[in-house]
């Protein structure tokens, strides 16, 4: 007879996420996860298969509950400039809100990119996909603001904004003020390109 799961998956993922965010995948032990989640080793293995299985579930949950809802802010139905501004402000607000909590500073996905993802094809593909979603979200706003732009120009500008954004999120663990300033710079550049006056673009 199959064993019944006796824990709250959402809570377990949230507790494990804070730990992985703080220590990284490789430095986190099963004993650390037991302590952080309150689950026994057998429950972790039964629920997720392995430490890596739990980490993969944490990353997927982070994408679904935090990153993609935030990316949806880029898709303003009425004002492309407002969509990008709202998205970048949501990032700045999140960084400021967790400024005293090193476990929540920066972006878990991009922190992973700086760690194990370089040698892990599955994570590399996931993180590359996130970068593409961000770039394409910005590109959509740029196209909506000025449909006469060439596609190559739209993508070049979108890559600049996305690149500044991702750099800021990576910097946040080391220098929050610089990270916030970089997000502001991304916003200023986007506002220039989204301006109603084509001569200021």
N, C-alpha and C. Protein backbone atom coordinates (compact mmCIF):
# COMPACT_ATOMS: atom_id res chain seq x y z
N UNK A 1 0.84 -1.19 0.00
CA UNK A 1 0.00 0.00 0.00
C UNK A 1 0.88 1.25 0.00
N UNK A 2 0.52 2.22 -0.81
CA UNK A 2 1.33 3.44 -0.91
C UNK A 2 1.30 4.20 0.40
N UNK A 3 2.45 4.79 0.72
CA UNK A 3 2.55 5.57 1.94
C UNK A 3 1.91 6.94 1.74
N UNK A 4 1.13 7.39 2.72
CA UNK A 4 0.47 8.68 2.65
C UNK A 4 1.41 9.79 3.11
N UNK A 5 1.48 10.87 2.31
CA UNK A 5 2.31 12.01 2.69
C UNK A 5 1.65 12.76 3.84
N UNK A 6 2.44 13.05 4.86
CA UNK A 6 1.88 13.64 6.07
C UNK A 6 2.45 15.01 6.38
N UNK A 7 2.87 15.75 5.36
CA UNK A 7 3.37 17.10 5.61
C UNK A 7 2.85 18.05 4.56
N UNK A 8 2.93 19.33 4.88
CA UNK A 8 2.46 20.41 4.01
C UNK A 8 3.57 20.70 2.99
N UNK A 9 3.35 20.33 1.75
CA UNK A 9 4.38 20.50 0.72
C UNK A 9 4.76 21.96 0.54
N UNK A 10 3.77 22.85 0.52
CA UNK A 10 4.05 24.27 0.32
C UNK A 10 4.96 24.82 1.42
N UNK A 11 4.67 24.45 2.66
CA UNK A 11 5.50 24.91 3.78
C UNK A 11 6.90 24.32 3.70
N UNK A 12 6.98 23.04 3.35
CA UNK A 12 8.29 22.39 3.24
C UNK A 12 9.14 23.08 2.18
N UNK A 13 8.53 23.42 1.05
CA UNK A 13 9.27 24.10 -0.02
C UNK A 13 9.71 25.48 0.42
N UNK A 14 8.83 26.20 1.13
CA UNK A 14 9.18 27.54 1.61
C UNK A 14 10.33 27.49 2.61
N UNK A 15 10.27 26.54 3.54
CA UNK A 15 11.34 26.40 4.54
C UNK A 15 12.66 26.01 3.88
N UNK A 16 12.59 25.07 2.95
CA UNK A 16 13.80 24.63 2.25
C UNK A 16 14.36 25.75 1.38
N UNK A 17 13.47 26.55 0.78
CA UNK A 17 13.92 27.65 -0.07
C UNK A 17 14.76 28.64 0.72
N UNK A 18 14.35 28.99 1.92
CA UNK A 18 15.14 29.93 2.73
C UNK A 18 16.53 29.38 3.00
N UNK A 19 16.61 28.09 3.25
CA UNK A 19 17.90 27.48 3.54
C UNK A 19 18.79 27.44 2.30
N UNK A 20 18.24 26.97 1.19
CA UNK A 20 19.03 26.93 -0.05
C UNK A 20 19.46 28.34 -0.45
N UNK A 21 18.59 29.32 -0.23
CA UNK A 21 18.90 30.71 -0.57
C UNK A 21 20.08 31.21 0.25
N UNK A 22 20.12 30.80 1.50
CA UNK A 22 21.18 31.24 2.41
C UNK A 22 22.49 30.54 2.13
N UNK A 23 22.45 29.21 2.01
CA UNK A 23 23.68 28.42 1.97
C UNK A 23 24.07 27.93 0.59
N UNK A 24 23.13 27.88 -0.33
CA UNK A 24 23.40 27.30 -1.63
C UNK A 24 23.17 25.79 -1.59
N UNK A 25 23.05 25.21 -2.75
CA UNK A 25 22.73 23.78 -2.83
C UNK A 25 23.83 22.91 -2.24
N UNK A 26 25.05 23.15 -2.66
CA UNK A 26 26.14 22.24 -2.29
C UNK A 26 26.45 22.28 -0.80
N UNK A 27 26.32 23.45 -0.16
CA UNK A 27 26.67 23.57 1.26
C UNK A 27 25.52 23.15 2.18
N UNK A 28 24.37 22.86 1.61
CA UNK A 28 23.22 22.45 2.40
C UNK A 28 23.19 20.93 2.54
N UNK A 29 23.13 20.46 3.75
CA UNK A 29 23.10 19.02 3.99
C UNK A 29 21.68 18.55 4.27
N UNK A 30 21.48 17.25 4.20
CA UNK A 30 20.17 16.68 4.56
C UNK A 30 19.84 17.02 6.00
N UNK A 31 20.84 16.98 6.88
CA UNK A 31 20.61 17.34 8.28
C UNK A 31 20.14 18.79 8.41
N UNK A 32 20.72 19.69 7.59
CA UNK A 32 20.27 21.09 7.58
C UNK A 32 18.81 21.18 7.16
N UNK A 33 18.45 20.40 6.15
CA UNK A 33 17.08 20.42 5.65
C UNK A 33 16.10 19.84 6.66
N UNK A 34 16.53 18.80 7.36
CA UNK A 34 15.68 18.25 8.42
C UNK A 34 15.38 19.31 9.47
N UNK A 35 16.43 20.03 9.87
CA UNK A 35 16.27 21.07 10.90
C UNK A 35 15.40 22.22 10.40
N UNK A 36 15.60 22.64 9.16
CA UNK A 36 14.88 23.79 8.62
C UNK A 36 13.41 23.49 8.36
N UNK A 37 13.12 22.29 7.90
CA UNK A 37 11.75 21.95 7.50
C UNK A 37 10.96 21.22 8.59
N UNK A 38 11.67 20.65 9.57
CA UNK A 38 11.01 19.84 10.58
C UNK A 38 10.65 18.46 10.08
N UNK A 39 11.10 18.12 8.89
CA UNK A 39 10.82 16.80 8.32
C UNK A 39 11.96 15.85 8.63
N UNK A 40 11.62 14.58 8.79
CA UNK A 40 12.65 13.57 8.94
C UNK A 40 13.27 13.23 7.59
N UNK A 41 14.42 12.62 7.63
CA UNK A 41 15.12 12.24 6.40
C UNK A 41 14.23 11.37 5.50
N UNK A 42 13.51 10.44 6.12
CA UNK A 42 12.67 9.54 5.33
C UNK A 42 11.55 10.30 4.63
N UNK A 43 11.00 11.33 5.29
CA UNK A 43 9.95 12.13 4.67
C UNK A 43 10.49 12.93 3.49
N UNK A 44 11.69 13.45 3.64
CA UNK A 44 12.31 14.19 2.53
C UNK A 44 12.53 13.28 1.34
N UNK A 45 13.07 12.10 1.59
CA UNK A 45 13.34 11.17 0.48
C UNK A 45 12.04 10.63 -0.11
N UNK A 46 11.04 10.38 0.75
CA UNK A 46 9.77 9.87 0.24
C UNK A 46 9.05 10.95 -0.58
N UNK A 47 9.10 12.19 -0.11
CA UNK A 47 8.39 13.27 -0.79
C UNK A 47 9.07 13.79 -2.04
N UNK A 48 10.41 13.79 -2.04
CA UNK A 48 11.13 14.45 -3.12
C UNK A 48 12.21 13.59 -3.79
N UNK A 49 12.47 12.41 -3.23
CA UNK A 49 13.41 11.49 -3.86
C UNK A 49 14.85 11.65 -3.43
N UNK A 50 15.28 12.89 -3.21
CA UNK A 50 16.67 13.17 -2.86
C UNK A 50 16.80 14.64 -2.49
N UNK A 51 17.97 15.04 -2.03
CA UNK A 51 18.21 16.47 -1.80
C UNK A 51 18.06 17.25 -3.10
N UNK A 52 18.57 16.70 -4.18
CA UNK A 52 18.44 17.38 -5.47
C UNK A 52 16.99 17.45 -5.91
N UNK A 53 16.22 16.40 -5.64
CA UNK A 53 14.80 16.43 -5.98
C UNK A 53 14.07 17.53 -5.23
N UNK A 54 14.41 17.72 -3.96
CA UNK A 54 13.82 18.80 -3.17
C UNK A 54 14.26 20.15 -3.73
N UNK A 55 15.52 20.28 -4.08
CA UNK A 55 16.02 21.54 -4.64
C UNK A 55 15.31 21.87 -5.95
N UNK A 56 15.15 20.87 -6.80
CA UNK A 56 14.46 21.09 -8.08
C UNK A 56 13.01 21.55 -7.83
N UNK A 57 12.36 20.95 -6.84
CA UNK A 57 10.99 21.34 -6.50
C UNK A 57 10.95 22.76 -5.97
N UNK A 58 11.94 23.13 -5.18
CA UNK A 58 12.04 24.50 -4.66
C UNK A 58 12.21 25.49 -5.80
N UNK A 59 13.09 25.19 -6.74
CA UNK A 59 13.33 26.09 -7.87
C UNK A 59 12.07 26.23 -8.72
N UNK A 60 11.39 25.13 -8.99
CA UNK A 60 10.17 25.20 -9.79
C UNK A 60 9.09 26.01 -9.08
N UNK A 61 8.95 25.81 -7.77
CA UNK A 61 7.98 26.58 -7.00
C UNK A 61 8.33 28.07 -7.00
N UNK A 62 9.62 28.38 -6.90
CA UNK A 62 10.08 29.77 -6.94
C UNK A 62 9.74 30.41 -8.29
N UNK A 63 9.94 29.64 -9.37
CA UNK A 63 9.58 30.15 -10.69
C UNK A 63 8.08 30.42 -10.78
N UNK A 64 7.29 29.48 -10.29
CA UNK A 64 5.83 29.55 -10.46
C UNK A 64 5.18 30.60 -9.56
N UNK A 65 5.69 30.76 -8.34
CA UNK A 65 5.01 31.63 -7.37
C UNK A 65 5.61 33.02 -7.24
N UNK A 66 6.86 33.19 -7.65
CA UNK A 66 7.53 34.49 -7.48
C UNK A 66 7.95 35.10 -8.82
N UNK A 67 8.71 34.35 -9.62
CA UNK A 67 9.30 34.94 -10.82
C UNK A 67 8.28 35.18 -11.92
N UNK A 68 7.48 34.19 -12.25
CA UNK A 68 6.55 34.38 -13.38
C UNK A 68 5.45 35.39 -13.07
N UNK A 69 4.88 35.39 -11.87
CA UNK A 69 3.91 36.46 -11.57
C UNK A 69 4.53 37.85 -11.71
N UNK A 70 5.79 37.97 -11.33
CA UNK A 70 6.46 39.26 -11.46
C UNK A 70 6.69 39.60 -12.93
N UNK A 71 7.10 38.62 -13.73
CA UNK A 71 7.29 38.86 -15.15
C UNK A 71 5.99 39.28 -15.83
N UNK A 72 4.86 38.80 -15.32
CA UNK A 72 3.57 39.17 -15.90
C UNK A 72 3.31 40.67 -15.79
N UNK A 73 3.98 41.33 -14.84
CA UNK A 73 3.81 42.78 -14.70
C UNK A 73 4.30 43.53 -15.93
N UNK A 74 5.20 42.91 -16.70
CA UNK A 74 5.71 43.56 -17.91
C UNK A 74 4.64 43.69 -18.97
N UNK A 75 3.61 42.87 -18.87
CA UNK A 75 2.61 42.81 -19.93
C UNK A 75 1.41 43.71 -19.61
N UNK A 76 1.67 44.99 -19.46
CA UNK A 76 0.58 45.93 -19.20
C UNK A 76 -0.29 46.06 -20.44
N UNK A 77 -1.60 45.87 -20.30
CA UNK A 77 -2.47 45.93 -21.49
C UNK A 77 -2.67 47.35 -22.02
N UNK A 78 -2.37 48.35 -21.21
CA UNK A 78 -2.66 49.72 -21.62
C UNK A 78 -1.43 50.62 -21.75
N UNK A 79 -0.38 50.35 -21.00
CA UNK A 79 0.77 51.26 -20.96
C UNK A 79 2.06 50.47 -20.83
N UNK A 80 2.79 50.26 -21.94
CA UNK A 80 4.04 49.50 -21.90
C UNK A 80 5.06 50.08 -20.92
N UNK A 81 5.15 51.41 -20.88
CA UNK A 81 6.11 52.04 -19.97
C UNK A 81 5.77 51.73 -18.52
N UNK A 82 4.48 51.74 -18.21
CA UNK A 82 4.06 51.44 -16.84
C UNK A 82 4.38 49.99 -16.49
N UNK A 83 4.23 49.09 -17.45
CA UNK A 83 4.52 47.68 -17.20
C UNK A 83 5.97 47.47 -16.79
N UNK A 84 6.91 48.05 -17.52
CA UNK A 84 8.33 47.90 -17.19
C UNK A 84 8.63 48.59 -15.87
N UNK A 85 8.10 49.79 -15.67
CA UNK A 85 8.33 50.52 -14.43
C UNK A 85 7.82 49.74 -13.22
N UNK A 86 6.62 49.16 -13.34
CA UNK A 86 6.05 48.39 -12.24
C UNK A 86 6.88 47.15 -11.95
N UNK A 87 7.34 46.50 -13.00
CA UNK A 87 8.19 45.31 -12.82
C UNK A 87 9.48 45.65 -12.08
N UNK A 88 10.17 46.67 -12.52
CA UNK A 88 11.44 47.04 -11.90
C UNK A 88 11.23 47.53 -10.46
N UNK A 89 10.14 48.25 -10.22
CA UNK A 89 9.85 48.70 -8.85
C UNK A 89 9.57 47.51 -7.94
N UNK A 90 8.90 46.48 -8.48
CA UNK A 90 8.64 45.30 -7.66
C UNK A 90 9.94 44.61 -7.25
N UNK A 91 10.93 44.63 -8.12
CA UNK A 91 12.24 44.06 -7.78
C UNK A 91 12.92 44.90 -6.70
N UNK A 92 12.92 46.21 -6.89
CA UNK A 92 13.55 47.09 -5.91
C UNK A 92 12.88 46.95 -4.55
N UNK A 93 11.56 46.92 -4.54
CA UNK A 93 10.82 46.79 -3.27
C UNK A 93 11.16 45.49 -2.58
N UNK A 94 11.28 44.41 -3.35
CA UNK A 94 11.60 43.11 -2.76
C UNK A 94 13.00 43.12 -2.15
N UNK A 95 13.95 43.75 -2.83
CA UNK A 95 15.32 43.82 -2.30
C UNK A 95 15.38 44.65 -1.02
N UNK A 96 14.68 45.77 -1.02
CA UNK A 96 14.68 46.64 0.17
C UNK A 96 13.99 45.93 1.33
N UNK A 97 12.88 45.27 1.04
CA UNK A 97 12.12 44.60 2.10
C UNK A 97 12.94 43.56 2.82
N UNK A 98 13.81 42.87 2.10
CA UNK A 98 14.61 41.80 2.70
C UNK A 98 16.05 42.22 2.94
N UNK A 99 16.29 43.52 3.03
CA UNK A 99 17.66 44.02 3.14
C UNK A 99 18.40 43.46 4.35
N UNK A 100 17.69 43.17 5.44
CA UNK A 100 18.36 42.64 6.62
C UNK A 100 18.35 41.14 6.71
N UNK A 101 17.84 40.48 5.66
CA UNK A 101 17.75 39.03 5.69
C UNK A 101 18.58 38.46 4.55
N UNK A 102 19.79 38.05 4.86
CA UNK A 102 20.68 37.57 3.81
C UNK A 102 20.12 36.35 3.11
N UNK A 103 19.25 35.59 3.77
CA UNK A 103 18.67 34.42 3.13
C UNK A 103 17.73 34.79 1.99
N UNK A 104 17.21 36.01 1.98
CA UNK A 104 16.24 36.39 0.96
C UNK A 104 16.74 37.48 0.02
N UNK A 105 18.00 37.77 0.06
CA UNK A 105 18.51 38.85 -0.77
C UNK A 105 18.92 38.33 -2.14
N UNK A 106 18.59 39.10 -3.17
CA UNK A 106 18.95 38.70 -4.51
C UNK A 106 17.90 37.76 -5.09
N UNK A 107 18.29 36.99 -6.05
CA UNK A 107 17.39 36.08 -6.75
C UNK A 107 17.91 34.67 -6.60
N UNK A 108 17.10 33.79 -6.05
CA UNK A 108 17.53 32.40 -5.85
C UNK A 108 17.98 31.77 -7.15
N UNK A 109 17.25 32.02 -8.23
CA UNK A 109 17.59 31.41 -9.50
C UNK A 109 18.95 31.89 -10.01
N UNK A 110 19.19 33.20 -9.91
CA UNK A 110 20.46 33.74 -10.41
C UNK A 110 21.61 33.42 -9.47
N UNK A 111 21.33 33.32 -8.17
CA UNK A 111 22.38 32.86 -7.26
C UNK A 111 22.79 31.44 -7.64
N UNK A 112 21.83 30.64 -8.05
CA UNK A 112 22.12 29.28 -8.50
C UNK A 112 22.94 29.32 -9.78
N UNK A 113 22.64 30.28 -10.65
CA UNK A 113 23.40 30.41 -11.90
C UNK A 113 24.87 30.66 -11.64
N UNK A 114 25.14 31.39 -10.56
CA UNK A 114 26.53 31.68 -10.21
C UNK A 114 27.19 30.51 -9.49
N UNK A 115 26.41 29.50 -9.15
CA UNK A 115 26.93 28.33 -8.43
C UNK A 115 26.95 27.10 -9.31
N UNK A 116 26.04 26.18 -9.05
CA UNK A 116 26.11 24.87 -9.69
C UNK A 116 25.60 24.84 -11.12
N UNK A 117 24.84 25.85 -11.55
CA UNK A 117 24.19 25.78 -12.85
C UNK A 117 25.17 25.70 -14.02
N UNK A 118 26.37 26.24 -13.84
CA UNK A 118 27.35 26.19 -14.91
C UNK A 118 27.75 24.78 -15.28
N UNK A 119 27.58 23.86 -14.36
CA UNK A 119 27.94 22.46 -14.62
C UNK A 119 26.72 21.55 -14.60
N UNK A 120 25.55 22.12 -14.71
CA UNK A 120 24.32 21.34 -14.62
C UNK A 120 23.41 21.74 -15.78
N UNK A 121 23.27 20.85 -16.75
CA UNK A 121 22.55 21.19 -17.98
C UNK A 121 21.09 21.52 -17.73
N UNK A 122 20.42 20.77 -16.86
CA UNK A 122 19.00 21.02 -16.60
C UNK A 122 18.79 22.41 -16.00
N UNK A 123 19.62 22.78 -15.03
CA UNK A 123 19.50 24.11 -14.43
C UNK A 123 19.90 25.20 -15.41
N UNK A 124 20.91 24.92 -16.20
CA UNK A 124 21.34 25.91 -17.20
C UNK A 124 20.20 26.22 -18.15
N UNK A 125 19.48 25.20 -18.60
CA UNK A 125 18.36 25.40 -19.52
C UNK A 125 17.24 26.19 -18.83
N UNK A 126 16.96 25.87 -17.57
CA UNK A 126 15.91 26.58 -16.84
C UNK A 126 16.24 28.06 -16.69
N UNK A 127 17.47 28.35 -16.30
CA UNK A 127 17.88 29.74 -16.07
C UNK A 127 17.94 30.51 -17.39
N UNK A 128 18.40 29.84 -18.45
CA UNK A 128 18.42 30.48 -19.76
C UNK A 128 17.00 30.80 -20.20
N UNK A 129 16.06 29.90 -19.90
CA UNK A 129 14.66 30.14 -20.24
C UNK A 129 14.10 31.35 -19.51
N UNK A 130 14.49 31.52 -18.25
CA UNK A 130 14.04 32.69 -17.49
C UNK A 130 14.59 33.97 -18.12
N UNK A 131 15.85 33.95 -18.51
CA UNK A 131 16.44 35.12 -19.14
C UNK A 131 15.70 35.47 -20.43
N UNK A 132 15.31 34.45 -21.18
CA UNK A 132 14.58 34.68 -22.43
C UNK A 132 13.19 35.25 -22.14
N UNK A 133 12.51 34.73 -21.10
CA UNK A 133 11.20 35.27 -20.73
C UNK A 133 11.30 36.74 -20.35
N UNK A 134 12.34 37.10 -19.60
CA UNK A 134 12.54 38.48 -19.21
C UNK A 134 12.83 39.35 -20.43
N UNK A 135 13.74 38.91 -21.27
CA UNK A 135 14.07 39.67 -22.49
C UNK A 135 12.84 39.87 -23.36
N UNK A 136 12.09 38.80 -23.56
CA UNK A 136 10.92 38.88 -24.44
C UNK A 136 9.82 39.75 -23.84
N UNK A 137 9.69 39.74 -22.52
CA UNK A 137 8.71 40.62 -21.88
C UNK A 137 9.03 42.08 -22.11
N UNK A 138 10.31 42.43 -21.96
CA UNK A 138 10.74 43.81 -22.21
C UNK A 138 10.57 44.15 -23.69
N UNK A 139 10.94 43.21 -24.56
CA UNK A 139 10.83 43.44 -26.00
C UNK A 139 9.38 43.70 -26.39
N UNK A 140 8.44 42.98 -25.77
CA UNK A 140 7.04 43.18 -26.08
C UNK A 140 6.59 44.59 -25.74
N UNK A 141 7.05 45.10 -24.61
CA UNK A 141 6.70 46.47 -24.22
C UNK A 141 7.30 47.47 -25.20
N UNK A 142 8.53 47.24 -25.62
CA UNK A 142 9.17 48.15 -26.57
C UNK A 142 8.46 48.16 -27.91
N UNK A 143 8.05 46.98 -28.38
CA UNK A 143 7.33 46.90 -29.65
C UNK A 143 6.00 47.65 -29.57
N UNK A 144 5.30 47.45 -28.44
CA UNK A 144 4.00 48.10 -28.28
C UNK A 144 4.13 49.61 -28.26
N UNK A 145 5.22 50.11 -27.68
CA UNK A 145 5.42 51.56 -27.60
C UNK A 145 5.74 52.18 -28.95
N UNK A 146 6.45 51.42 -29.80
CA UNK A 146 6.83 51.96 -31.10
C UNK A 146 6.94 50.82 -32.12
N UNK A 147 5.85 50.50 -32.79
CA UNK A 147 5.84 49.39 -33.74
C UNK A 147 6.75 49.61 -34.95
N UNK A 148 7.27 50.83 -35.13
CA UNK A 148 8.12 51.10 -36.30
C UNK A 148 9.56 50.67 -36.07
N UNK A 149 9.93 50.32 -34.85
CA UNK A 149 11.31 49.90 -34.57
C UNK A 149 11.62 48.58 -35.29
N UNK A 150 12.85 48.45 -35.73
CA UNK A 150 13.26 47.18 -36.32
C UNK A 150 13.37 46.12 -35.22
N UNK A 151 13.21 44.87 -35.60
CA UNK A 151 13.26 43.79 -34.62
C UNK A 151 14.65 43.69 -33.99
N UNK A 152 15.69 43.93 -34.77
CA UNK A 152 17.04 43.85 -34.22
C UNK A 152 17.26 44.93 -33.17
N UNK A 153 16.71 46.12 -33.39
CA UNK A 153 16.84 47.19 -32.41
C UNK A 153 16.04 46.87 -31.14
N UNK A 154 14.84 46.35 -31.31
CA UNK A 154 14.02 45.97 -30.16
C UNK A 154 14.75 44.95 -29.30
N UNK A 155 15.30 43.92 -29.92
CA UNK A 155 15.97 42.87 -29.15
C UNK A 155 17.25 43.38 -28.50
N UNK A 156 17.97 44.26 -29.19
CA UNK A 156 19.19 44.82 -28.60
C UNK A 156 18.86 45.62 -27.35
N UNK A 157 17.82 46.43 -27.42
CA UNK A 157 17.42 47.24 -26.27
C UNK A 157 16.88 46.36 -25.15
N UNK A 158 16.09 45.35 -25.51
CA UNK A 158 15.55 44.44 -24.50
C UNK A 158 16.67 43.70 -23.78
N UNK A 159 17.70 43.31 -24.51
CA UNK A 159 18.84 42.61 -23.88
C UNK A 159 19.57 43.54 -22.90
N UNK A 160 19.67 44.80 -23.23
CA UNK A 160 20.32 45.74 -22.32
C UNK A 160 19.55 45.86 -21.01
N UNK A 161 18.24 46.05 -21.11
CA UNK A 161 17.42 46.18 -19.89
C UNK A 161 17.44 44.88 -19.09
N UNK A 162 17.28 43.74 -19.78
CA UNK A 162 17.30 42.46 -19.08
C UNK A 162 18.66 42.19 -18.45
N UNK A 163 19.72 42.54 -19.17
CA UNK A 163 21.06 42.32 -18.64
C UNK A 163 21.34 43.16 -17.40
N UNK A 164 20.92 44.42 -17.43
CA UNK A 164 21.08 45.28 -16.25
C UNK A 164 20.27 44.73 -15.07
N UNK A 165 19.07 44.25 -15.36
CA UNK A 165 18.22 43.71 -14.31
C UNK A 165 18.85 42.50 -13.65
N UNK A 166 19.32 41.56 -14.47
CA UNK A 166 19.93 40.34 -13.93
C UNK A 166 21.23 40.66 -13.19
N UNK A 167 21.98 41.62 -13.69
CA UNK A 167 23.21 42.03 -12.99
C UNK A 167 22.89 42.60 -11.62
N UNK A 168 21.84 43.40 -11.55
CA UNK A 168 21.44 43.98 -10.28
C UNK A 168 21.06 42.91 -9.27
N UNK A 169 20.32 41.90 -9.72
CA UNK A 169 19.89 40.84 -8.81
C UNK A 169 21.07 39.99 -8.32
N UNK A 170 22.07 39.82 -9.16
CA UNK A 170 23.27 39.12 -8.73
C UNK A 170 24.10 39.96 -7.76
N UNK A 171 24.12 41.27 -7.97
CA UNK A 171 24.90 42.18 -7.13
C UNK A 171 24.28 42.36 -5.75
N UNK A 172 22.98 42.11 -5.63
CA UNK A 172 22.25 42.47 -4.42
C UNK A 172 22.82 41.85 -3.15
N UNK A 173 23.36 40.66 -3.23
CA UNK A 173 23.91 40.00 -2.04
C UNK A 173 25.19 40.68 -1.57
N UNK A 174 25.87 41.36 -2.49
CA UNK A 174 27.15 41.97 -2.17
C UNK A 174 27.04 43.47 -1.89
N UNK A 175 26.20 44.15 -2.65
CA UNK A 175 26.12 45.61 -2.54
C UNK A 175 24.70 46.04 -2.92
N UNK A 176 23.83 46.12 -1.93
CA UNK A 176 22.43 46.42 -2.18
C UNK A 176 22.26 47.79 -2.82
N UNK A 177 23.00 48.79 -2.36
CA UNK A 177 22.86 50.13 -2.91
C UNK A 177 23.18 50.15 -4.41
N UNK A 178 24.24 49.45 -4.79
CA UNK A 178 24.61 49.40 -6.20
C UNK A 178 23.57 48.63 -7.01
N UNK A 179 23.02 47.59 -6.41
CA UNK A 179 21.98 46.82 -7.10
C UNK A 179 20.76 47.70 -7.38
N UNK A 180 20.34 48.47 -6.37
CA UNK A 180 19.20 49.35 -6.55
C UNK A 180 19.49 50.44 -7.58
N UNK A 181 20.71 50.96 -7.56
CA UNK A 181 21.09 51.98 -8.54
C UNK A 181 21.08 51.41 -9.96
N UNK A 182 21.48 50.15 -10.10
CA UNK A 182 21.48 49.50 -11.42
C UNK A 182 20.06 49.28 -11.92
N UNK A 183 19.15 48.90 -11.02
CA UNK A 183 17.74 48.78 -11.41
C UNK A 183 17.19 50.13 -11.83
N UNK A 184 17.57 51.20 -11.12
CA UNK A 184 17.13 52.55 -11.50
C UNK A 184 17.66 52.91 -12.89
N UNK A 185 18.91 52.53 -13.16
CA UNK A 185 19.50 52.82 -14.47
C UNK A 185 18.76 52.07 -15.57
N UNK A 186 18.39 50.82 -15.29
CA UNK A 186 17.61 50.05 -16.27
C UNK A 186 16.27 50.74 -16.54
N UNK A 187 15.65 51.24 -15.48
CA UNK A 187 14.37 51.93 -15.63
C UNK A 187 14.50 53.22 -16.41
N UNK A 188 15.54 53.99 -16.13
CA UNK A 188 15.75 55.25 -16.85
C UNK A 188 15.97 54.99 -18.34
N UNK A 189 16.76 53.96 -18.65
CA UNK A 189 17.03 53.66 -20.05
C UNK A 189 15.75 53.19 -20.75
N UNK A 190 14.98 52.34 -20.06
CA UNK A 190 13.72 51.87 -20.65
C UNK A 190 12.76 53.03 -20.88
N UNK A 191 12.68 53.94 -19.90
CA UNK A 191 11.77 55.09 -20.05
C UNK A 191 12.17 55.96 -21.24
N UNK A 192 13.46 56.08 -21.47
CA UNK A 192 13.94 56.87 -22.61
C UNK A 192 13.46 56.24 -23.92
N UNK A 193 13.60 54.92 -24.01
CA UNK A 193 13.20 54.22 -25.24
C UNK A 193 11.69 54.15 -25.40
N UNK A 194 10.97 54.22 -24.28
CA UNK A 194 9.51 54.14 -24.33
C UNK A 194 8.85 55.51 -24.41
N UNK A 195 9.66 56.55 -24.48
CA UNK A 195 9.14 57.90 -24.51
C UNK A 195 8.22 58.11 -25.72
N UNK A 196 7.20 58.91 -25.51
CA UNK A 196 6.28 59.22 -26.61
C UNK A 196 6.93 60.09 -27.68
N UNK A 197 8.02 60.75 -27.32
CA UNK A 197 8.70 61.63 -28.27
C UNK A 197 9.81 60.86 -28.96
N UNK A 198 9.68 60.52 -30.25
CA UNK A 198 10.68 59.73 -30.93
C UNK A 198 12.04 60.37 -30.99
N UNK A 199 12.11 61.71 -30.84
CA UNK A 199 13.40 62.39 -30.90
C UNK A 199 14.24 62.13 -29.65
N UNK A 200 13.60 61.67 -28.56
CA UNK A 200 14.36 61.38 -27.32
C UNK A 200 14.77 59.93 -27.26
N UNK A 201 14.43 59.17 -28.26
CA UNK A 201 14.82 57.77 -28.26
C UNK A 201 16.20 57.58 -28.87
